[in-house]
């Protein structure tokens, strides 16, 4: 029986230093490009690994807030946010073009990702910032969110993302990292989380409800403490469920 393909993506280039171990077990990656973490050297390192392991590459811009790792909402003028996002993408692109690696996608990071999922004005601002990439790159978005709907309305190509190592609230927002149950750190629990979303098109929320969700790609955060163990477990177990990460 031919195995079905599943896209596991990972946020990388964020100073954790585990990329050499992560890349053999993922299909796409989101590389920090200077807003919350990352530098030209780190971007180059991650891109070279991606090329070696045939991993699709994406830029991972954020609020310009390295102090808080981009995980705190910012009140920032629209023009400053647009300028910051475009500067981050230009840094990423300068390295990517040198290595002649195709840009697959753009995925916003952290608080910016969560904020544009619910704030239409901010989502419009973000889309204006990435408009030059509209025809050349996909945009990773959360299911049925404001940015999901607005992207489609404005002709952006999207891939819907779900989080394999995070718990969800009933409204499909992520459980705050301030809460003890925000992260899923067990490989077995992550596998069950993915299979539920992939096969049944629902996610079991933190309250135990099954809420509809439909995703094209599933994220494991590179800074989740057990990221390597989770990915190793998935690499071993997914084939038993007729799924493969690497084609």
C-alpha atoms as a PDB file:
ATOM      1  CA  UNK A   1       0.000   0.000   0.000  1.00  0.00           C
ATOM      2  CA  UNK A   2       1.346   3.439  -0.944  1.00  0.00           C
ATOM      3  CA  UNK A   3       1.922   5.553   2.123  1.00  0.00           C
ATOM      4  CA  UNK A   4       0.166   8.893   2.425  1.00  0.00           C
ATOM      5  CA  UNK A   5       2.325  11.976   2.694  1.00  0.00           C
ATOM      6  CA  UNK A   6       2.202  14.291   5.708  1.00  0.00           C
ATOM      7  CA  UNK A   7       4.005  17.617   5.994  1.00  0.00           C
ATOM      8  CA  UNK A   8       5.732  18.172   9.332  1.00  0.00           C
ATOM      9  CA  UNK A   9       7.266  21.633   9.632  1.00  0.00           C
ATOM     10  CA  UNK A  10       9.563  23.112  12.237  1.00  0.00           C
ATOM     11  CA  UNK A  11      10.524  26.612  13.382  1.00  0.00           C
ATOM     12  CA  UNK A  12      14.315  26.836  13.237  1.00  0.00           C
ATOM     13  CA  UNK A  13      17.231  29.269  13.354  1.00  0.00           C
ATOM     14  CA  UNK A  14      16.105  30.513  16.743  1.00  0.00           C
ATOM     15  CA  UNK A  15      19.290  29.896  18.714  1.00  0.00           C
ATOM     16  CA  UNK A  16      18.473  26.424  20.006  1.00  0.00           C
ATOM     17  CA  UNK A  17      21.185  24.786  17.900  1.00  0.00           C
ATOM     18  CA  UNK A  18      19.413  21.491  17.195  1.00  0.00           C
ATOM     19  CA  UNK A  19      18.870  21.945  13.460  1.00  0.00           C
ATOM     20  CA  UNK A  20      21.286  19.222  12.330  1.00  0.00           C
ATOM     21  CA  UNK A  21      19.171  16.694  14.196  1.00  0.00           C
ATOM     22  CA  UNK A  22      15.800  18.175  13.214  1.00  0.00           C
ATOM     23  CA  UNK A  23      16.181  18.467   9.460  1.00  0.00           C
ATOM     24  CA  UNK A  24      16.372  14.749   8.588  1.00  0.00           C
ATOM     25  CA  UNK A  25      12.924  14.303  10.165  1.00  0.00           C
ATOM     26  CA  UNK A  26      10.905  17.217   8.719  1.00  0.00           C
ATOM     27  CA  UNK A  27       9.568  18.217   5.321  1.00  0.00           C
ATOM     28  CA  UNK A  28       9.404  22.014   5.608  1.00  0.00           C
ATOM     29  CA  UNK A  29      11.013  24.624   7.840  1.00  0.00           C
ATOM     30  CA  UNK A  30      10.424  28.189   8.968  1.00  0.00           C
ATOM     31  CA  UNK A  31      13.676  30.096   9.396  1.00  0.00           C
ATOM     32  CA  UNK A  32      13.889  33.064  11.773  1.00  0.00           C
ATOM     33  CA  UNK A  33      15.065  36.119   9.887  1.00  0.00           C
ATOM     34  CA  UNK A  34      16.120  38.664  12.474  1.00  0.00           C
ATOM     35  CA  UNK A  35      12.930  39.886  14.126  1.00  0.00           C
ATOM     36  CA  UNK A  36      12.779  37.613  17.171  1.00  0.00           C
ATOM     37  CA  UNK A  37      15.948  35.624  16.455  1.00  0.00           C
ATOM     38  CA  UNK A  38      18.260  34.741  13.600  1.00  0.00           C
ATOM     39  CA  UNK A  39      21.095  36.322  11.657  1.00  0.00           C
ATOM     40  CA  UNK A  40      22.556  36.113   8.168  1.00  0.00           C
ATOM     41  CA  UNK A  41      24.944  33.376   9.297  1.00  0.00           C
ATOM     42  CA  UNK A  42      22.224  31.325  10.965  1.00  0.00           C
ATOM     43  CA  UNK A  43      19.916  31.719   7.972  1.00  0.00           C
ATOM     44  CA  UNK A  44      22.688  30.461   5.697  1.00  0.00           C
ATOM     45  CA  UNK A  45      23.379  27.512   7.982  1.00  0.00           C
ATOM     46  CA  UNK A  46      19.699  26.506   8.014  1.00  0.00           C
ATOM     47  CA  UNK A  47      19.300  26.958   4.268  1.00  0.00           C
ATOM     48  CA  UNK A  48      22.296  24.754   3.574  1.00  0.00           C
ATOM     49  CA  UNK A  49      20.852  22.058   5.830  1.00  0.00           C
ATOM     50  CA  UNK A  50      17.504  22.383   4.078  1.00  0.00           C
ATOM     51  CA  UNK A  51      19.171  21.939   0.709  1.00  0.00           C
ATOM     52  CA  UNK A  52      21.056  18.878   1.929  1.00  0.00           C
ATOM     53  CA  UNK A  53      17.934  17.209   3.348  1.00  0.00           C
ATOM     54  CA  UNK A  54      15.515  18.407   0.631  1.00  0.00           C
ATOM     55  CA  UNK A  55      13.433  20.403   3.101  1.00  0.00           C
ATOM     56  CA  UNK A  56      11.164  23.158   1.767  1.00  0.00           C
ATOM     57  CA  UNK A  57      12.174  26.556   3.112  1.00  0.00           C
ATOM     58  CA  UNK A  58      10.103  29.388   4.479  1.00  0.00           C
ATOM     59  CA  UNK A  59      10.819  32.774   6.027  1.00  0.00           C
ATOM     60  CA  UNK A  60       9.643  33.276   9.620  1.00  0.00           C
ATOM     61  CA  UNK A  61       9.215  37.018  10.270  1.00  0.00           C
ATOM     62  CA  UNK A  62       7.932  38.368  13.572  1.00  0.00           C
ATOM     63  CA  UNK A  63       7.384  41.466  15.587  1.00  0.00           C
ATOM     64  CA  UNK A  64      10.785  43.175  15.980  1.00  0.00           C
ATOM     65  CA  UNK A  65      11.206  41.993  19.564  1.00  0.00           C
ATOM     66  CA  UNK A  66      14.170  39.750  20.289  1.00  0.00           C
ATOM     67  CA  UNK A  67      13.914  40.523  24.006  1.00  0.00           C
ATOM     68  CA  UNK A  68      10.618  38.650  24.255  1.00  0.00           C
ATOM     69  CA  UNK A  69      11.375  36.178  21.439  1.00  0.00           C
ATOM     70  CA  UNK A  70       8.489  37.672  19.459  1.00  0.00           C
ATOM     71  CA  UNK A  71       5.968  36.062  21.786  1.00  0.00           C
ATOM     72  CA  UNK A  72       4.466  39.254  23.240  1.00  0.00           C
ATOM     73  CA  UNK A  73       1.984  41.406  21.305  1.00  0.00           C
ATOM     74  CA  UNK A  74       3.371  44.805  20.341  1.00  0.00           C
ATOM     75  CA  UNK A  75       1.700  48.142  19.820  1.00  0.00           C
ATOM     76  CA  UNK A  76       3.644  49.368  16.808  1.00  0.00           C
ATOM     77  CA  UNK A  77       2.746  51.840  14.032  1.00  0.00           C
ATOM     78  CA  UNK A  78       1.665  50.120  10.824  1.00  0.00           C
ATOM     79  CA  UNK A  79       4.456  51.621   8.737  1.00  0.00           C
ATOM     80  CA  UNK A  80       7.095  50.505  11.237  1.00  0.00           C
ATOM     81  CA  UNK A  81       5.720  46.970  11.299  1.00  0.00           C
ATOM     82  CA  UNK A  82       5.617  46.807   7.505  1.00  0.00           C
ATOM     83  CA  UNK A  83       9.180  48.118   7.302  1.00  0.00           C
ATOM     84  CA  UNK A  84      10.395  45.595   9.872  1.00  0.00           C
ATOM     85  CA  UNK A  85       8.734  42.622   8.153  1.00  0.00           C
ATOM     86  CA  UNK A  86      10.082  43.663   4.769  1.00  0.00           C
ATOM     87  CA  UNK A  87      13.587  44.159   6.186  1.00  0.00           C
ATOM     88  CA  UNK A  88      13.464  40.675   7.705  1.00  0.00           C
ATOM     89  CA  UNK A  89      12.318  39.166   4.414  1.00  0.00           C
ATOM     90  CA  UNK A  90      14.969  41.049   2.456  1.00  0.00           C
ATOM     91  CA  UNK A  91      17.663  39.619   4.749  1.00  0.00           C
ATOM     92  CA  UNK A  92      16.299  36.122   4.255  1.00  0.00           C
ATOM     93  CA  UNK A  93      15.999  36.573   0.499  1.00  0.00           C
ATOM     94  CA  UNK A  94      19.535  37.909   0.126  1.00  0.00           C
ATOM     95  CA  UNK A  95      20.925  34.669   1.542  1.00  0.00           C
ATOM     96  CA  UNK A  96      18.406  32.399  -0.169  1.00  0.00           C
ATOM     97  CA  UNK A  97      19.143  33.852  -3.595  1.00  0.00           C
ATOM     98  CA  UNK A  98      22.887  33.396  -3.095  1.00  0.00           C
ATOM     99  CA  UNK A  99      22.282  29.690  -2.478  1.00  0.00           C
ATOM    100  CA  UNK A 100      19.726  29.402  -5.287  1.00  0.00           C
ATOM    101  CA  UNK A 101      17.108  27.707  -3.110  1.00  0.00           C
ATOM    102  CA  UNK A 102      13.432  28.296  -3.959  1.00  0.00           C
ATOM    103  CA  UNK A 103      11.249  30.131  -1.447  1.00  0.00           C
ATOM    104  CA  UNK A 104       8.339  27.866  -0.577  1.00  0.00           C
ATOM    105  CA  UNK A 105       6.428  29.876   2.020  1.00  0.00           C
ATOM    106  CA  UNK A 106       6.201  32.633   4.582  1.00  0.00           C
ATOM    107  CA  UNK A 107       5.020  31.928   8.122  1.00  0.00           C
ATOM    108  CA  UNK A 108       4.639  34.699  10.712  1.00  0.00           C
ATOM    109  CA  UNK A 109       5.990  33.928  14.169  1.00  0.00           C
ATOM    110  CA  UNK A 110       4.648  33.954  17.687  1.00  0.00           C
ATOM    111  CA  UNK A 111       2.477  36.829  18.828  1.00  0.00           C
ATOM    112  CA  UNK A 112       2.287  38.247  15.307  1.00  0.00           C
ATOM    113  CA  UNK A 113       0.925  34.906  14.041  1.00  0.00           C
ATOM    114  CA  UNK A 114      -1.669  34.815  16.814  1.00  0.00           C
ATOM    115  CA  UNK A 115      -2.635  38.482  16.475  1.00  0.00           C
ATOM    116  CA  UNK A 116      -3.282  38.413  12.726  1.00  0.00           C
ATOM    117  CA  UNK A 117      -5.405  35.317  13.267  1.00  0.00           C
ATOM    118  CA  UNK A 118      -8.029  37.504  14.969  1.00  0.00           C
ATOM    119  CA  UNK A 119      -7.295  41.180  14.115  1.00  0.00           C
ATOM    120  CA  UNK A 120      -8.454  42.118  10.614  1.00  0.00           C
ATOM    121  CA  UNK A 121      -6.646  45.462  10.485  1.00  0.00           C
ATOM    122  CA  UNK A 122      -3.355  43.889  11.567  1.00  0.00           C
ATOM    123  CA  UNK A 123      -3.894  41.029   9.113  1.00  0.00           C
ATOM    124  CA  UNK A 124      -4.333  43.557   6.299  1.00  0.00           C
ATOM    125  CA  UNK A 125      -1.136  45.285   7.369  1.00  0.00           C
ATOM    126  CA  UNK A 126       0.751  41.998   7.318  1.00  0.00           C
ATOM    127  CA  UNK A 127      -0.553  41.112   3.866  1.00  0.00           C
ATOM    128  CA  UNK A 128       0.516  44.517   2.564  1.00  0.00           C
ATOM    129  CA  UNK A 129       4.008  43.855   3.919  1.00  0.00           C
ATOM    130  CA  UNK A 130       4.347  40.529   2.104  1.00  0.00           C
ATOM    131  CA  UNK A 131       2.542  41.624  -1.068  1.00  0.00           C
ATOM    132  CA  UNK A 132       5.757  41.415  -3.181  1.00  0.00           C
ATOM    133  CA  UNK A 133       5.780  37.646  -2.511  1.00  0.00           C
ATOM    134  CA  UNK A 134       2.124  37.071  -3.328  1.00  0.00           C
ATOM    135  CA  UNK A 135       2.763  35.182  -6.565  1.00  0.00           C
ATOM    136  CA  UNK A 136       5.952  33.408  -5.508  1.00  0.00           C
ATOM    137  CA  UNK A 137       5.310  32.013  -2.027  1.00  0.00           C
ATOM    138  CA  UNK A 138       2.624  30.273  -0.019  1.00  0.00           C
ATOM    139  CA  UNK A 139       1.464  31.687   3.296  1.00  0.00           C
ATOM    140  CA  UNK A 140       1.073  29.405   6.327  1.00  0.00           C
ATOM    141  CA  UNK A 141      -2.119  30.342   8.207  1.00  0.00           C
ATOM    142  CA  UNK A 142      -4.249  28.907  11.040  1.00  0.00           C
ATOM    143  CA  UNK A 143      -7.532  27.261  10.064  1.00  0.00           C
ATOM    144  CA  UNK A 144     -10.587  29.457   9.575  1.00  0.00           C
ATOM    145  CA  UNK A 145      -8.806  32.476  11.050  1.00  0.00           C
ATOM    146  CA  UNK A 146      -9.071  36.117  10.019  1.00  0.00           C
ATOM    147  CA  UNK A 147      -5.765  35.916   8.127  1.00  0.00           C
ATOM    148  CA  UNK A 148      -6.897  32.668   6.449  1.00  0.00           C
ATOM    149  CA  UNK A 149     -10.091  34.235   5.105  1.00  0.00           C
ATOM    150  CA  UNK A 150      -8.466  37.551   4.203  1.00  0.00           C
ATOM    151  CA  UNK A 151      -5.584  35.871   2.377  1.00  0.00           C
ATOM    152  CA  UNK A 152      -7.928  33.889   0.155  1.00  0.00           C
ATOM    153  CA  UNK A 153     -10.083  36.957  -0.470  1.00  0.00           C
ATOM    154  CA  UNK A 154      -7.008  38.863  -1.629  1.00  0.00           C
ATOM    155  CA  UNK A 155      -5.627  36.129  -3.862  1.00  0.00           C
ATOM    156  CA  UNK A 156      -2.801  34.818  -1.688  1.00  0.00           C
ATOM    157  CA  UNK A 157      -1.992  31.128  -1.893  1.00  0.00           C
ATOM    158  CA  UNK A 158      -2.201  29.483   1.508  1.00  0.00           C
ATOM    159  CA  UNK A 159      -1.392  26.283   3.333  1.00  0.00           C
ATOM    160  CA  UNK A 160      -3.365  25.752   6.523  1.00  0.00           C
ATOM    161  CA  UNK A 161      -1.246  24.926   9.547  1.00  0.00           C
ATOM    162  CA  UNK A 162      -2.037  23.120  12.772  1.00  0.00           C
ATOM    163  CA  UNK A 163       0.190  22.737  15.812  1.00  0.00           C
ATOM    164  CA  UNK A 164       1.158  19.231  16.778  1.00  0.00           C
ATOM    165  CA  UNK A 165       2.872  20.177  20.039  1.00  0.00           C
ATOM    166  CA  UNK A 166       0.346  22.750  21.322  1.00  0.00           C
ATOM    167  CA  UNK A 167      -3.051  22.442  22.953  1.00  0.00           C
ATOM    168  CA  UNK A 168      -6.036  24.337  21.576  1.00  0.00           C
ATOM    169  CA  UNK A 169      -8.857  26.308  23.151  1.00  0.00           C
ATOM    170  CA  UNK A 170     -12.429  25.766  21.961  1.00  0.00           C
ATOM    171  CA  UNK A 171     -12.178  28.772  19.587  1.00  0.00           C
ATOM    172  CA  UNK A 172      -9.066  27.204  17.962  1.00  0.00           C
ATOM    173  CA  UNK A 173      -6.745  29.722  19.558  1.00  0.00           C
ATOM    174  CA  UNK A 174      -3.680  28.197  21.183  1.00  0.00           C
ATOM    175  CA  UNK A 175      -3.602  27.706  24.931  1.00  0.00           C
ATOM    176  CA  UNK A 176      -1.397  30.477  26.339  1.00  0.00           C
ATOM    177  CA  UNK A 177       2.187  29.520  27.036  1.00  0.00           C
ATOM    178  CA  UNK A 178       1.608  30.918  30.526  1.00  0.00           C
ATOM    179  CA  UNK A 179      -0.623  27.905  31.216  1.00  0.00           C
ATOM    180  CA  UNK A 180       0.864  24.587  32.299  1.00  0.00           C
ATOM    181  CA  UNK A 181      -0.986  22.623  29.589  1.00  0.00           C
ATOM    182  CA  UNK A 182       0.102  24.827  26.662  1.00  0.00           C
ATOM    183  CA  UNK A 183       2.700  22.384  25.347  1.00  0.00           C
ATOM    184  CA  UNK A 184       2.346  18.736  24.397  1.00  0.00           C
ATOM    185  CA  UNK A 185       5.716  17.143  25.082  1.00  0.00           C
ATOM    186  CA  UNK A 186       5.018  13.414  24.805  1.00  0.00           C
ATOM    187  CA  UNK A 187       5.675  11.807  21.441  1.00  0.00           C
ATOM    188  CA  UNK A 188       2.696   9.492  21.888  1.00  0.00           C
ATOM    189  CA  UNK A 189       0.362  12.391  22.704  1.00  0.00           C
ATOM    190  CA  UNK A 190       1.649  14.402  19.729  1.00  0.00           C
ATOM    191  CA  UNK A 191       1.056  11.417  17.447  1.00  0.00           C
ATOM    192  CA  UNK A 192      -2.517  11.042  18.689  1.00  0.00           C
ATOM    193  CA  UNK A 193      -3.043  14.799  18.288  1.00  0.00           C
ATOM    194  CA  UNK A 194      -1.842  14.641  14.668  1.00  0.00           C
ATOM    195  CA  UNK A 195      -3.807  11.524  13.766  1.00  0.00           C
ATOM    196  CA  UNK A 196      -6.997  13.034  15.132  1.00  0.00           C
ATOM    197  CA  UNK A 197      -6.506  16.169  13.029  1.00  0.00           C
ATOM    198  CA  UNK A 198      -5.263  14.343   9.927  1.00  0.00           C
ATOM    199  CA  UNK A 199      -7.721  11.463   9.827  1.00  0.00           C
ATOM    200  CA  UNK A 200     -10.821  12.814  11.560  1.00  0.00           C
ATOM    201  CA  UNK A 201     -10.458  16.550  10.762  1.00  0.00           C
ATOM    202  CA  UNK A 202     -11.059  17.490  14.403  1.00  0.00           C
ATOM    203  CA  UNK A 203      -8.872  18.581  17.290  1.00  0.00           C
ATOM    204  CA  UNK A 204      -9.575  17.684  20.900  1.00  0.00           C
ATOM    205  CA  UNK A 205      -9.424  20.972  22.775  1.00  0.00           C
ATOM    206  CA  UNK A 206      -8.207  21.601  26.298  1.00  0.00           C
ATOM    207  CA  UNK A 207     -11.809  21.196  27.547  1.00  0.00           C
ATOM    208  CA  UNK A 208     -12.218  17.851  25.796  1.00  0.00           C
ATOM    209  CA  UNK A 209     -14.387  19.086  22.933  1.00  0.00           C
ATOM    210  CA  UNK A 210     -13.836  17.912  19.352  1.00  0.00           C
ATOM    211  CA  UNK A 211     -13.677  20.995  17.116  1.00  0.00           C
ATOM    212  CA  UNK A 212     -13.459  20.868  13.316  1.00  0.00           C
ATOM    213  CA  UNK A 213     -10.054  21.623  11.827  1.00  0.00           C
ATOM    214  CA  UNK A 214      -8.441  20.945   8.468  1.00  0.00           C
ATOM    215  CA  UNK A 215      -4.699  21.318   7.994  1.00  0.00           C
ATOM    216  CA  UNK A 216      -2.090  20.889   5.263  1.00  0.00           C
ATOM    217  CA  UNK A 217       0.981  21.055   7.498  1.00  0.00           C
ATOM    218  CA  UNK A 218       1.710  20.327  11.165  1.00  0.00           C
ATOM    219  CA  UNK A 219       4.216  22.264  13.255  1.00  0.00           C
ATOM    220  CA  UNK A 220       6.640  21.022  15.885  1.00  0.00           C
ATOM    221  CA  UNK A 221       8.377  23.990  17.514  1.00  0.00           C
ATOM    222  CA  UNK A 222      12.143  23.688  17.394  1.00  0.00           C
ATOM    223  CA  UNK A 223      12.370  25.087  20.933  1.00  0.00           C
ATOM    224  CA  UNK A 224       9.935  22.608  22.444  1.00  0.00           C
ATOM    225  CA  UNK A 225      12.194  20.873  25.007  1.00  0.00           C
ATOM    226  CA  UNK A 226      11.388  17.405  23.653  1.00  0.00           C
ATOM    227  CA  UNK A 227      11.288  18.372  19.948  1.00  0.00           C
ATOM    228  CA  UNK A 228      13.928  15.826  18.931  1.00  0.00           C
ATOM    229  CA  UNK A 229      12.309  13.018  20.886  1.00  0.00           C
ATOM    230  CA  UNK A 230       8.904  13.874  19.415  1.00  0.00           C
ATOM    231  CA  UNK A 231      10.212  13.887  15.847  1.00  0.00           C
ATOM    232  CA  UNK A 232      12.119  10.645  16.356  1.00  0.00           C
ATOM    233  CA  UNK A 233       8.961   9.029  17.734  1.00  0.00           C
ATOM    234  CA  UNK A 234       6.885  10.301  14.808  1.00  0.00           C
ATOM    235  CA  UNK A 235       9.479   9.048  12.313  1.00  0.00           C
ATOM    236  CA  UNK A 236       9.148   5.577  13.808  1.00  0.00           C
ATOM    237  CA  UNK A 237       5.395   5.509  14.366  1.00  0.00           C
ATOM    238  CA  UNK A 238       3.796   7.396  11.464  1.00  0.00           C
ATOM    239  CA  UNK A 239       4.641   4.641   8.924  1.00  0.00           C
ATOM    240  CA  UNK A 240       2.555   2.232  11.047  1.00  0.00           C
ATOM    241  CA  UNK A 241      -0.398   4.526  10.280  1.00  0.00           C
ATOM    242  CA  UNK A 242       0.325   4.542   6.541  1.00  0.00           C
ATOM    243  CA  UNK A 243       1.941   7.995   6.727  1.00  0.00           C
ATOM    244  CA  UNK A 244       5.385   9.206   5.746  1.00  0.00           C
ATOM    245  CA  UNK A 245       7.120  12.542   6.308  1.00  0.00           C
ATOM    246  CA  UNK A 246       9.979  12.058   3.903  1.00  0.00           C
ATOM    247  CA  UNK A 247       8.973  11.006   0.368  1.00  0.00           C
END
